[in-house]
Amino acid sequence: MLFGNDLFGVLTMPVTETDRAAILLNTGADHHVGPHRLYVELAREWALNGIAVLRFDLSGLGDSGCPSDDAVVESYPLTAMADVMDAIEVMRSRYDAINPVLIGVCAGAYHVIHALPQSTGAAIA
């Protein structure tokens, strides 16, 4: 799915209605599959347990567009907070004001920590 400012993500949805959601952020410069496809496996398992999961690429990483003409891959892009807020808004709009859990490893954890003050109601994992 495409959302925000040319961001690419994969939404794994549970079969039944849910009030739980998670957003998986890039681990360094890895794209949305996560390290060794970990995010794919987590998303599938969590969806089986009733959790909607969005794994997406920050601007300039993986399949998301690059906000400038620079072809440099950055684990800490300046647009990261705006990207995370767009992802939260996508999940809230799809799942009726749900507060998703933000999850990240390495650079992803850095972005989660910095996004929390801006993301009213989102949780950290």
C-alpha atoms as a PDB file:
ATOM      1  CA  MET A   1       0.000   0.000   0.000  1.00  0.00           C
ATOM      2  CA  LEU A   2       1.119   3.565  -0.612  1.00  0.00           C
ATOM      3  CA  PHE A   3       0.408   6.327   1.895  1.00  0.00           C
ATOM      4  CA  GLY A   4       1.727   9.641   3.163  1.00  0.00           C
ATOM      5  CA  ASN A   5       4.516  11.219   1.159  1.00  0.00           C
ATOM      6  CA  ASP A   6       5.234   8.273  -1.192  1.00  0.00           C
ATOM      7  CA  LEU A   7       5.668   5.736   1.634  1.00  0.00           C
ATOM      8  CA  PHE A   8       5.345   2.020   0.955  1.00  0.00           C
ATOM      9  CA  GLY A   9       4.050  -0.438   3.523  1.00  0.00           C
ATOM     10  CA  VAL A  10       2.540  -3.879   3.901  1.00  0.00           C
ATOM     11  CA  LEU A  11      -0.551  -4.182   6.076  1.00  0.00           C
ATOM     12  CA  THR A  12      -1.204  -7.639   7.509  1.00  0.00           C
ATOM     13  CA  MET A  13      -4.774  -7.807   8.754  1.00  0.00           C
ATOM     14  CA  PRO A  14      -6.423 -10.322  11.046  1.00  0.00           C
ATOM     15  CA  VAL A  15      -9.445 -12.196   9.744  1.00  0.00           C
ATOM     16  CA  THR A  16     -11.717 -10.817  12.451  1.00  0.00           C
ATOM     17  CA  GLU A  17     -12.410  -7.267  13.609  1.00  0.00           C
ATOM     18  CA  THR A  18      -9.688  -5.919  15.859  1.00  0.00           C
ATOM     19  CA  ASP A  19      -8.934  -3.085  18.214  1.00  0.00           C
ATOM     20  CA  ARG A  20      -5.209  -3.870  18.350  1.00  0.00           C
ATOM     21  CA  ALA A  21      -2.495  -2.729  15.963  1.00  0.00           C
ATOM     22  CA  ALA A  22       1.276  -2.575  15.690  1.00  0.00           C
ATOM     23  CA  ILE A  23       3.645  -0.627  13.470  1.00  0.00           C
ATOM     24  CA  LEU A  24       7.079  -2.104  12.742  1.00  0.00           C
ATOM     25  CA  LEU A  25       9.786   0.438  11.875  1.00  0.00           C
ATOM     26  CA  ASN A  26      12.895  -0.173   9.773  1.00  0.00           C
ATOM     27  CA  THR A  27      15.882  -1.766  11.431  1.00  0.00           C
ATOM     28  CA  GLY A  28      18.706   0.431  10.171  1.00  0.00           C
ATOM     29  CA  ALA A  29      18.648   0.416   6.380  1.00  0.00           C
ATOM     30  CA  ASP A  30      16.769  -2.911   6.133  1.00  0.00           C
ATOM     31  CA  HIS A  31      13.515  -2.638   4.243  1.00  0.00           C
ATOM     32  CA  HIS A  32      10.046  -3.630   5.499  1.00  0.00           C
ATOM     33  CA  VAL A  33      10.766  -7.376   5.745  1.00  0.00           C
ATOM     34  CA  GLY A  34      12.997  -6.651   8.754  1.00  0.00           C
ATOM     35  CA  PRO A  35      16.199  -8.405   9.743  1.00  0.00           C
ATOM     36  CA  HIS A  36      16.243 -11.929   8.259  1.00  0.00           C
ATOM     37  CA  ARG A  37      12.499 -11.541   7.399  1.00  0.00           C
ATOM     38  CA  LEU A  38      11.651 -11.291  11.095  1.00  0.00           C
ATOM     39  CA  TYR A  39       8.971  -8.634  10.517  1.00  0.00           C
ATOM     40  CA  VAL A  40       7.202 -10.837   7.963  1.00  0.00           C
ATOM     41  CA  GLU A  41       6.994 -13.717  10.422  1.00  0.00           C
ATOM     42  CA  LEU A  42       5.919 -11.464  13.309  1.00  0.00           C
ATOM     43  CA  ALA A  43       3.221  -9.782  11.217  1.00  0.00           C
ATOM     44  CA  ARG A  44       1.749 -13.093  10.108  1.00  0.00           C
ATOM     45  CA  GLU A  45       1.787 -14.596  13.592  1.00  0.00           C
ATOM     46  CA  TRP A  46       0.312 -11.494  15.220  1.00  0.00           C
ATOM     47  CA  ALA A  47      -2.431 -11.256  12.576  1.00  0.00           C
ATOM     48  CA  LEU A  48      -3.408 -14.835  13.434  1.00  0.00           C
ATOM     49  CA  ASN A  49      -3.777 -13.593  17.008  1.00  0.00           C
ATOM     50  CA  GLY A  50      -5.978 -10.614  16.097  1.00  0.00           C
ATOM     51  CA  ILE A  51      -3.424  -7.815  15.704  1.00  0.00           C
ATOM     52  CA  ALA A  52      -3.267  -5.631  12.581  1.00  0.00           C
ATOM     53  CA  VAL A  53       0.380  -5.009  11.636  1.00  0.00           C
ATOM     54  CA  LEU A  54       1.845  -2.342   9.370  1.00  0.00           C
ATOM     55  CA  ARG A  55       5.457  -2.742   8.372  1.00  0.00           C
ATOM     56  CA  PHE A  56       6.671   0.083   6.199  1.00  0.00           C
ATOM     57  CA  ASP A  57       9.752   1.735   4.760  1.00  0.00           C
ATOM     58  CA  LEU A  58      10.799   5.189   5.919  1.00  0.00           C
ATOM     59  CA  SER A  59      11.417   7.742   3.162  1.00  0.00           C
ATOM     60  CA  GLY A  60      14.406   6.792   1.057  1.00  0.00           C
ATOM     61  CA  LEU A  61      14.526   3.194   2.319  1.00  0.00           C
ATOM     62  CA  GLY A  62      13.317   0.029   0.616  1.00  0.00           C
ATOM     63  CA  ASP A  63      10.305   0.641  -1.614  1.00  0.00           C
ATOM     64  CA  SER A  64       9.410   4.113  -0.298  1.00  0.00           C
ATOM     65  CA  GLY A  65      10.181   7.155  -2.390  1.00  0.00           C
ATOM     66  CA  CYS A  66      13.126   9.418  -1.684  1.00  0.00           C
ATOM     67  CA  PRO A  67      12.170  12.959  -0.554  1.00  0.00           C
ATOM     68  CA  SER A  68      15.127  14.507  -2.405  1.00  0.00           C
ATOM     69  CA  ASP A  69      17.299  13.795  -5.409  1.00  0.00           C
ATOM     70  CA  ASP A  70      19.952  12.247  -3.165  1.00  0.00           C
ATOM     71  CA  ALA A  71      20.254   8.507  -3.638  1.00  0.00           C
ATOM     72  CA  VAL A  72      21.917   8.107  -0.239  1.00  0.00           C
ATOM     73  CA  VAL A  73      20.368   5.457   2.028  1.00  0.00           C
ATOM     74  CA  GLU A  74      20.025   6.821   5.559  1.00  0.00           C
ATOM     75  CA  SER A  75      18.951   4.919   8.647  1.00  0.00           C
ATOM     76  CA  TYR A  76      18.059   8.193  10.371  1.00  0.00           C
ATOM     77  CA  PRO A  77      16.359  10.306   7.679  1.00  0.00           C
ATOM     78  CA  LEU A  78      15.213  13.815   8.590  1.00  0.00           C
ATOM     79  CA  THR A  79      11.697  12.853   7.500  1.00  0.00           C
ATOM     80  CA  ALA A  80      11.442   9.894   9.905  1.00  0.00           C
ATOM     81  CA  MET A  81       9.120  11.552  12.437  1.00  0.00           C
ATOM     82  CA  ALA A  82       6.726  12.723   9.731  1.00  0.00           C
ATOM     83  CA  ASP A  83       6.795   9.209   8.234  1.00  0.00           C
ATOM     84  CA  VAL A  84       5.977   7.602  11.594  1.00  0.00           C
ATOM     85  CA  MET A  85       3.124  10.079  12.172  1.00  0.00           C
ATOM     86  CA  ASP A  86       1.737   9.209   8.700  1.00  0.00           C
ATOM     87  CA  ALA A  87       1.869   5.491   9.586  1.00  0.00           C
ATOM     88  CA  ILE A  88       0.071   6.103  12.893  1.00  0.00           C
ATOM     89  CA  GLU A  89      -2.611   8.117  11.091  1.00  0.00           C
ATOM     90  CA  VAL A  90      -3.117   5.343   8.522  1.00  0.00           C
ATOM     91  CA  MET A  91      -3.671   2.789  11.283  1.00  0.00           C
ATOM     92  CA  ARG A  92      -5.974   5.096  13.244  1.00  0.00           C
ATOM     93  CA  SER A  93      -8.076   5.878  10.171  1.00  0.00           C
ATOM     94  CA  ARG A  94      -8.395   2.199   9.225  1.00  0.00           C
ATOM     95  CA  TYR A  95      -9.080   0.976  12.743  1.00  0.00           C
ATOM     96  CA  ASP A  96     -11.242   3.742  14.196  1.00  0.00           C
ATOM     97  CA  ALA A  97      -8.976   5.785  16.489  1.00  0.00           C
ATOM     98  CA  ILE A  98      -6.897   2.838  17.647  1.00  0.00           C
ATOM     99  CA  ASN A  99      -3.588   3.626  19.360  1.00  0.00           C
ATOM    100  CA  PRO A 100      -1.013   1.400  17.672  1.00  0.00           C
ATOM    101  CA  VAL A 101       2.040   0.009  19.396  1.00  0.00           C
ATOM    102  CA  LEU A 102       5.266   1.245  17.795  1.00  0.00           C
ATOM    103  CA  ILE A 103       8.002  -1.378  17.540  1.00  0.00           C
ATOM    104  CA  GLY A 104      11.552  -1.016  16.349  1.00  0.00           C
ATOM    105  CA  VAL A 105      15.012  -2.499  16.674  1.00  0.00           C
ATOM    106  CA  CYS A 106      18.225  -0.459  16.427  1.00  0.00           C
ATOM    107  CA  ALA A 107      17.430   2.642  14.317  1.00  0.00           C
ATOM    108  CA  GLY A 108      13.752   1.672  14.502  1.00  0.00           C
ATOM    109  CA  ALA A 109      13.855   1.861  18.308  1.00  0.00           C
ATOM    110  CA  TYR A 110      15.509   5.282  18.038  1.00  0.00           C
ATOM    111  CA  HIS A 111      12.633   6.497  15.850  1.00  0.00           C
ATOM    112  CA  VAL A 112      10.037   4.980  18.199  1.00  0.00           C
ATOM    113  CA  ILE A 113      11.501   6.807  21.202  1.00  0.00           C
ATOM    114  CA  HIS A 114      11.605  10.105  19.342  1.00  0.00           C
ATOM    115  CA  ALA A 115       8.107   9.679  17.911  1.00  0.00           C
ATOM    116  CA  LEU A 116       6.380   9.074  21.247  1.00  0.00           C
ATOM    117  CA  PRO A 117       6.184  12.700  22.414  1.00  0.00           C
ATOM    118  CA  GLN A 118       4.542  13.590  19.090  1.00  0.00           C
ATOM    119  CA  SER A 119       2.195  10.601  18.828  1.00  0.00           C
ATOM    120  CA  THR A 120      -0.511  11.139  21.394  1.00  0.00           C
ATOM    121  CA  GLY A 121      -1.684   7.771  22.591  1.00  0.00           C
ATOM    122  CA  ALA A 122       0.737   5.480  20.764  1.00  0.00           C
ATOM    123  CA  ALA A 123       2.586   2.948  22.890  1.00  0.00           C
ATOM    124  CA  ILE A 124       6.160   1.710  22.768  1.00  0.00           C
ATOM    125  CA  ALA A 125       7.504  -1.837  22.609  1.00  0.00           C
END
